[in-house]
Amino acid sequence: ESGGGLVQAGGSLRLSCAASGSIFSINVMGW
């Protein structure tokens, strides 16, 4: 994961999560 941090109320953030390694398929991703 990346993109976390400190933000003021009312602000915005965008989190990212990248999967790596041996992957055949991904069916569901979540937070």
PDB file of all heavy atoms in Angstrom:
ATOM      1  N   GLU A   1       0.828  -1.201   0.000  1.00  0.00           N
ATOM      2  CA  GLU A   1       0.000   0.000   0.000  1.00  0.00           C
ATOM      3  C   GLU A   1       0.864   1.253   0.000  1.00  0.00           C
ATOM      4  O   GLU A   1       1.984   1.252   0.510  1.00  0.00           O
ATOM      5  CB  GLU A   1      -0.921   0.042   1.224  1.00  0.00           C
ATOM      6  CG  GLU A   1      -1.887  -1.119   1.339  1.00  0.00           C
ATOM      7  CD  GLU A   1      -1.444  -2.125   2.367  1.00  0.00           C
ATOM      8  OE1 GLU A   1      -0.224  -2.231   2.615  1.00  0.00           O
ATOM      9  OE2 GLU A   1      -2.315  -2.810   2.943  1.00  0.00           O
ATOM     10  N   SER A   2       0.310   2.316  -0.528  1.00  0.00           N
ATOM     11  CA  SER A   2       0.960   3.611  -0.490  1.00  0.00           C
ATOM     12  C   SER A   2      -0.104   4.693  -0.552  1.00  0.00           C
ATOM     13  O   SER A   2      -1.248   4.435  -0.907  1.00  0.00           O
ATOM     14  CB  SER A   2       1.956   3.776  -1.645  1.00  0.00           C
ATOM     15  OG  SER A   2       1.302   3.711  -2.897  1.00  0.00           O
ATOM     16  N   GLY A   3       0.281   5.903  -0.210  1.00  0.00           N
ATOM     17  CA  GLY A   3      -0.619   7.035  -0.329  1.00  0.00           C
ATOM     18  C   GLY A   3      -1.199   7.545   0.965  1.00  0.00           C
ATOM     19  O   GLY A   3      -1.896   8.566   0.971  1.00  0.00           O
ATOM     20  N   GLY A   4      -0.944   6.853   2.060  1.00  0.00           N
ATOM     21  CA  GLY A   4      -1.439   7.322   3.337  1.00  0.00           C
ATOM     22  C   GLY A   4      -0.686   8.557   3.794  1.00  0.00           C
ATOM     23  O   GLY A   4       0.343   8.933   3.236  1.00  0.00           O
ATOM     24  N   GLY A   5      -1.224   9.182   4.818  1.00  0.00           N
ATOM     25  CA  GLY A   5      -0.590  10.372   5.341  1.00  0.00           C
ATOM     26  C   GLY A   5      -1.518  11.164   6.226  1.00  0.00           C
ATOM     27  O   GLY A   5      -2.556  10.670   6.673  1.00  0.00           O
ATOM     28  N   LEU A   6      -1.131  12.390   6.463  1.00  0.00           N
ATOM     29  CA  LEU A   6      -1.890  13.308   7.302  1.00  0.00           C
ATOM     30  C   LEU A   6      -2.624  14.307   6.423  1.00  0.00           C
ATOM     31  O   LEU A   6      -2.029  14.917   5.525  1.00  0.00           O
ATOM     32  CB  LEU A   6      -0.958  14.035   8.269  1.00  0.00           C
ATOM     33  CG  LEU A   6      -1.560  15.133   9.139  1.00  0.00           C
ATOM     34  CD1 LEU A   6      -2.583  14.542  10.106  1.00  0.00           C
ATOM     35  CD2 LEU A   6      -0.464  15.866   9.890  1.00  0.00           C
ATOM     36  N   VAL A   7      -3.892  14.480   6.692  1.00  0.00           N
ATOM     37  CA  VAL A   7      -4.703  15.414   5.922  1.00  0.00           C
ATOM     38  C   VAL A   7      -5.716  16.075   6.844  1.00  0.00           C
ATOM     39  O   VAL A   7      -6.140  15.485   7.843  1.00  0.00           O
ATOM     40  CB  VAL A   7      -5.413  14.690   4.754  1.00  0.00           C
ATOM     41  CG1 VAL A   7      -6.419  13.676   5.277  1.00  0.00           C
ATOM     42  CG2 VAL A   7      -6.071  15.676   3.811  1.00  0.00           C
ATOM     43  N   GLN A   8      -6.085  17.292   6.525  1.00  0.00           N
ATOM     44  CA  GLN A   8      -7.096  17.992   7.304  1.00  0.00           C
ATOM     45  C   GLN A   8      -8.491  17.494   6.946  1.00  0.00           C
ATOM     46  O   GLN A   8      -8.728  16.995   5.841  1.00  0.00           O
ATOM     47  CB  GLN A   8      -7.015  19.499   7.065  1.00  0.00           C
ATOM     48  CG  GLN A   8      -5.762  20.153   7.603  1.00  0.00           C
ATOM     49  CD  GLN A   8      -5.781  21.659   7.440  1.00  0.00           C
ATOM     50  OE1 GLN A   8      -6.764  22.240   6.981  1.00  0.00           O
ATOM     51  NE2 GLN A   8      -4.694  22.306   7.822  1.00  0.00           N
ATOM     52  N   ALA A   9      -9.392  17.626   7.900  1.00  0.00           N
ATOM     53  CA  ALA A   9     -10.777  17.260   7.644  1.00  0.00           C
ATOM     54  C   ALA A   9     -11.299  17.983   6.408  1.00  0.00           C
ATOM     55  O   ALA A   9     -11.052  19.176   6.223  1.00  0.00           O
ATOM     56  CB  ALA A   9     -11.639  17.584   8.854  1.00  0.00           C
ATOM     57  N   GLY A  10     -12.012  17.239   5.581  1.00  0.00           N
ATOM     58  CA  GLY A  10     -12.511  17.783   4.338  1.00  0.00           C
ATOM     59  C   GLY A  10     -11.585  17.573   3.162  1.00  0.00           C
ATOM     60  O   GLY A  10     -11.983  17.787   2.012  1.00  0.00           O
ATOM     61  N   GLY A  11     -10.376  17.151   3.435  1.00  0.00           N
ATOM     62  CA  GLY A  11      -9.405  16.924   2.387  1.00  0.00           C
ATOM     63  C   GLY A  11      -9.546  15.555   1.750  1.00  0.00           C
ATOM     64  O   GLY A  11     -10.470  14.799   2.043  1.00  0.00           O
ATOM     65  N   SER A  12      -8.587  15.244   0.887  1.00  0.00           N
ATOM     66  CA  SER A  12      -8.632  14.002   0.125  1.00  0.00           C
ATOM     67  C   SER A  12      -7.292  13.289   0.143  1.00  0.00           C
ATOM     68  O   SER A  12      -6.238  13.908   0.271  1.00  0.00           O
ATOM     69  CB  SER A  12      -9.018  14.286  -1.335  1.00  0.00           C
ATOM     70  OG  SER A  12     -10.297  14.869  -1.438  1.00  0.00           O
ATOM     71  N   LEU A  13      -7.358  11.990   0.008  1.00  0.00           N
ATOM     72  CA  LEU A  13      -6.192  11.148  -0.171  1.00  0.00           C
ATOM     73  C   LEU A  13      -6.541  10.051  -1.155  1.00  0.00           C
ATOM     74  O   LEU A  13      -7.695   9.644  -1.252  1.00  0.00           O
ATOM     75  CB  LEU A  13      -5.731  10.514   1.143  1.00  0.00           C
ATOM     76  CG  LEU A  13      -5.003  11.379   2.162  1.00  0.00           C
ATOM     77  CD1 LEU A  13      -4.791  10.586   3.446  1.00  0.00           C
ATOM     78  CD2 LEU A  13      -3.665  11.860   1.616  1.00  0.00           C
ATOM     79  N   ARG A  14      -5.534   9.561  -1.838  1.00  0.00           N
ATOM     80  CA  ARG A  14      -5.715   8.447  -2.749  1.00  0.00           C
ATOM     81  C   ARG A  14      -4.743   7.344  -2.369  1.00  0.00           C
ATOM     82  O   ARG A  14      -3.532   7.525  -2.444  1.00  0.00           O
ATOM     83  CB  ARG A  14      -5.486   8.860  -4.196  1.00  0.00           C
ATOM     84  CG  ARG A  14      -5.784   7.766  -5.225  1.00  0.00           C
ATOM     85  CD  ARG A  14      -5.580   8.297  -6.626  1.00  0.00           C
ATOM     86  NE  ARG A  14      -6.004   7.364  -7.654  1.00  0.00           N
ATOM     87  CZ  ARG A  14      -5.202   6.846  -8.585  1.00  0.00           C
ATOM     88  NH1 ARG A  14      -3.914   7.175  -8.616  1.00  0.00           N
ATOM     89  NH2 ARG A  14      -5.684   6.017  -9.496  1.00  0.00           N
ATOM     90  N   LEU A  15      -5.282   6.221  -1.957  1.00  0.00           N
ATOM     91  CA  LEU A  15      -4.478   5.074  -1.591  1.00  0.00           C
ATOM     92  C   LEU A  15      -4.310   4.153  -2.791  1.00  0.00           C
ATOM     93  O   LEU A  15      -5.220   3.996  -3.594  1.00  0.00           O
ATOM     94  CB  LEU A  15      -5.118   4.297  -0.448  1.00  0.00           C
ATOM     95  CG  LEU A  15      -5.463   5.068   0.828  1.00  0.00           C
ATOM     96  CD1 LEU A  15      -6.024   4.113   1.871  1.00  0.00           C
ATOM     97  CD2 LEU A  15      -4.246   5.808   1.359  1.00  0.00           C
ATOM     98  N   SER A  16      -3.145   3.547  -2.870  1.00  0.00           N
ATOM     99  CA  SER A  16      -2.866   2.577  -3.912  1.00  0.00           C
ATOM    100  C   SER A  16      -2.381   1.287  -3.278  1.00  0.00           C
ATOM    101  O   SER A  16      -1.739   1.298  -2.229  1.00  0.00           O
ATOM    102  CB  SER A  16      -1.799   3.094  -4.881  1.00  0.00           C
ATOM    103  OG  SER A  16      -2.216   4.268  -5.531  1.00  0.00           O
ATOM    104  N   CYS A  17      -2.671   0.194  -3.918  1.00  0.00           N
ATOM    105  CA  CYS A  17      -2.200  -1.108  -3.470  1.00  0.00           C
ATOM    106  C   CYS A  17      -1.855  -1.937  -4.690  1.00  0.00           C
ATOM    107  O   CYS A  17      -2.737  -2.238  -5.504  1.00  0.00           O
ATOM    108  CB  CYS A  17      -3.260  -1.816  -2.632  1.00  0.00           C
ATOM    109  SG  CYS A  17      -2.848  -3.529  -2.209  1.00  0.00           S
ATOM    110  N   ALA A  18      -0.600  -2.288  -4.806  1.00  0.00           N
ATOM    111  CA  ALA A  18      -0.122  -3.057  -5.942  1.00  0.00           C
ATOM    112  C   ALA A  18       0.246  -4.466  -5.510  1.00  0.00           C
ATOM    113  O   ALA A  18       0.995  -4.653  -4.549  1.00  0.00           O
ATOM    114  CB  ALA A  18       1.081  -2.376  -6.580  1.00  0.00           C
ATOM    115  N   ALA A  19      -0.282  -5.428  -6.215  1.00  0.00           N
ATOM    116  CA  ALA A  19       0.053  -6.822  -5.976  1.00  0.00           C
ATOM    117  C   ALA A  19       1.190  -7.236  -6.900  1.00  0.00           C
ATOM    118  O   ALA A  19       1.197  -6.892  -8.084  1.00  0.00           O
ATOM    119  CB  ALA A  19      -1.156  -7.720  -6.210  1.00  0.00           C
ATOM    120  N   SER A  20       2.138  -7.960  -6.357  1.00  0.00           N
ATOM    121  CA  SER A  20       3.266  -8.412  -7.151  1.00  0.00           C
ATOM    122  C   SER A  20       3.641  -9.827  -6.759  1.00  0.00           C
ATOM    123  O   SER A  20       3.230 -10.329  -5.719  1.00  0.00           O
ATOM    124  CB  SER A  20       4.467  -7.478  -6.985  1.00  0.00           C
ATOM    125  OG  SER A  20       4.920  -7.469  -5.643  1.00  0.00           O
ATOM    126  N   GLY A  21       4.464 -10.446  -7.586  1.00  0.00           N
ATOM    127  CA  GLY A  21       4.881 -11.807  -7.353  1.00  0.00           C
ATOM    128  C   GLY A  21       4.234 -12.746  -8.339  1.00  0.00           C
ATOM    129  O   GLY A  21       3.822 -12.349  -9.428  1.00  0.00           O
ATOM    130  N   SER A  22       4.161 -13.999  -7.954  1.00  0.00           N
ATOM    131  CA  SER A  22       3.544 -15.006  -8.803  1.00  0.00           C
ATOM    132  C   SER A  22       2.028 -14.897  -8.688  1.00  0.00           C
ATOM    133  O   SER A  22       1.454 -15.233  -7.658  1.00  0.00           O
ATOM    134  CB  SER A  22       4.021 -16.402  -8.400  1.00  0.00           C
ATOM    135  OG  SER A  22       3.418 -17.399  -9.202  1.00  0.00           O
ATOM    136  N   ILE A  23       1.409 -14.409  -9.740  1.00  0.00           N
ATOM    137  CA  ILE A  23      -0.034 -14.188  -9.745  1.00  0.00           C
ATOM    138  C   ILE A  23      -0.626 -14.747 -11.019  1.00  0.00           C
ATOM    139  O   ILE A  23      -0.232 -14.350 -12.114  1.00  0.00           O
ATOM    140  CB  ILE A  23      -0.376 -12.694  -9.627  1.00  0.00           C
ATOM    141  CG1 ILE A  23       0.157 -12.115  -8.321  1.00  0.00           C
ATOM    142  CG2 ILE A  23      -1.886 -12.491  -9.736  1.00  0.00           C
ATOM    143  CD1 ILE A  23       0.026 -10.615  -8.232  1.00  0.00           C
ATOM    144  N   PHE A  24      -1.567 -15.644 -10.853  1.00  0.00           N
ATOM    145  CA  PHE A  24      -2.299 -16.145 -12.002  1.00  0.00           C
ATOM    146  C   PHE A  24      -3.547 -15.303 -12.250  1.00  0.00           C
ATOM    147  O   PHE A  24      -3.823 -14.923 -13.378  1.00  0.00           O
ATOM    148  CB  PHE A  24      -2.674 -17.617 -11.819  1.00  0.00           C
ATOM    149  CG  PHE A  24      -3.490 -18.171 -12.943  1.00  0.00           C
ATOM    150  CD1 PHE A  24      -2.899 -18.472 -14.156  1.00  0.00           C
ATOM    151  CD2 PHE A  24      -4.855 -18.380 -12.807  1.00  0.00           C
ATOM    152  CE1 PHE A  24      -3.644 -18.975 -15.208  1.00  0.00           C
ATOM    153  CE2 PHE A  24      -5.609 -18.884 -13.849  1.00  0.00           C
ATOM    154  CZ  PHE A  24      -5.002 -19.181 -15.053  1.00  0.00           C
ATOM    155  N   SER A  25      -4.276 -15.024 -11.199  1.00  0.00           N
ATOM    156  CA  SER A  25      -5.470 -14.215 -11.339  1.00  0.00           C
ATOM    157  C   SER A  25      -5.853 -13.615  -9.999  1.00  0.00           C
ATOM    158  O   SER A  25      -5.507 -14.133  -8.943  1.00  0.00           O
ATOM    159  CB  SER A  25      -6.635 -15.028 -11.903  1.00  0.00           C
ATOM    160  OG  SER A  25      -7.025 -16.056 -11.012  1.00  0.00           O
ATOM    161  N   ILE A  26      -6.592 -12.519 -10.062  1.00  0.00           N
ATOM    162  CA  ILE A  26      -7.146 -11.855  -8.887  1.00  0.00           C
ATOM    163  C   ILE A  26      -8.633 -11.667  -9.119  1.00  0.00           C
ATOM    164  O   ILE A  26      -9.025 -11.097 -10.138  1.00  0.00           O
ATOM    165  CB  ILE A  26      -6.486 -10.489  -8.631  1.00  0.00           C
ATOM    166  CG1 ILE A  26      -4.974 -10.641  -8.467  1.00  0.00           C
ATOM    167  CG2 ILE A  26      -7.104  -9.816  -7.411  1.00  0.00           C
ATOM    168  CD1 ILE A  26      -4.243  -9.317  -8.364  1.00  0.00           C
ATOM    169  N   ASN A  27      -9.438 -12.131  -8.196  1.00  0.00           N
ATOM    170  CA  ASN A  27     -10.877 -11.993  -8.406  1.00  0.00           C
ATOM    171  C   ASN A  27     -11.488 -10.827  -7.621  1.00  0.00           C
ATOM    172  O   ASN A  27     -12.311 -10.091  -8.148  1.00  0.00           O
ATOM    173  CB  ASN A  27     -11.623 -13.290  -8.104  1.00  0.00           C
ATOM    174  CG  ASN A  27     -11.352 -13.823  -6.705  1.00  0.00           C
ATOM    175  OD1 ASN A  27     -10.582 -13.267  -5.933  1.00  0.00           O
ATOM    176  ND2 ASN A  27     -12.015 -14.938  -6.389  1.00  0.00           N
ATOM    177  N   VAL A  28     -11.080 -10.656  -6.385  1.00  0.00           N
ATOM    178  CA  VAL A  28     -11.626  -9.592  -5.553  1.00  0.00           C
ATOM    179  C   VAL A  28     -10.494  -8.844  -4.871  1.00  0.00           C
ATOM    180  O   VAL A  28      -9.561  -9.462  -4.361  1.00  0.00           O
ATOM    181  CB  VAL A  28     -12.597 -10.144  -4.489  1.00  0.00           C
ATOM    182  CG1 VAL A  28     -13.126  -9.015  -3.612  1.00  0.00           C
ATOM    183  CG2 VAL A  28     -13.747 -10.886  -5.146  1.00  0.00           C
ATOM    184  N   MET A  29     -10.589  -7.533  -4.852  1.00  0.00           N
ATOM    185  CA  MET A  29      -9.653  -6.710  -4.101  1.00  0.00           C
ATOM    186  C   MET A  29     -10.457  -5.756  -3.236  1.00  0.00           C
ATOM    187  O   MET A  29     -11.563  -5.359  -3.602  1.00  0.00           O
ATOM    188  CB  MET A  29      -8.720  -5.922  -5.017  1.00  0.00           C
ATOM    189  CG  MET A  29      -7.887  -6.784  -5.945  1.00  0.00           C
ATOM    190  SD  MET A  29      -6.621  -5.845  -6.857  1.00  0.00           S
ATOM    191  CE  MET A  29      -5.342  -5.710  -5.591  1.00  0.00           C
ATOM    192  N   GLY A  30      -9.892  -5.402  -2.101  1.00  0.00           N
ATOM    193  CA  GLY A  30     -10.631  -4.536  -1.216  1.00  0.00           C
ATOM    194  C   GLY A  30      -9.755  -3.787  -0.246  1.00  0.00           C
ATOM    195  O   GLY A  30      -8.538  -3.970  -0.193  1.00  0.00           O
ATOM    196  N   TRP A  31     -10.419  -2.927   0.506  1.00  0.00           N
ATOM    197  CA  TRP A  31      -9.773  -2.134   1.535  1.00  0.00           C
ATOM    198  C   TRP A  31     -10.492  -2.328   2.861  1.00  0.00           C
ATOM    199  O   TRP A  31     -11.731  -2.300   2.914  1.00  0.00           O
ATOM    200  CB  TRP A  31      -9.773  -0.648   1.179  1.00  0.00           C
ATOM    201  CG  TRP A  31      -8.878  -0.299   0.037  1.00  0.00           C
ATOM    202  CD1 TRP A  31      -9.207  -0.208  -1.275  1.00  0.00           C
ATOM    203  CD2 TRP A  31      -7.490   0.016   0.127  1.00  0.00           C
ATOM    204  NE1 TRP A  31      -8.118   0.141  -2.018  1.00  0.00           N
ATOM    205  CE2 TRP A  31      -7.044   0.283  -1.191  1.00  0.00           C
ATOM    206  CE3 TRP A  31      -6.576   0.094   1.176  1.00  0.00           C
ATOM    207  CZ2 TRP A  31      -5.724   0.632  -1.473  1.00  0.00           C
ATOM    208  CZ3 TRP A  31      -5.263   0.433   0.898  1.00  0.00           C
ATOM    209  CH2 TRP A  31      -4.849   0.701  -0.415  1.00  0.00           C
TER     210      TRP A  31
END
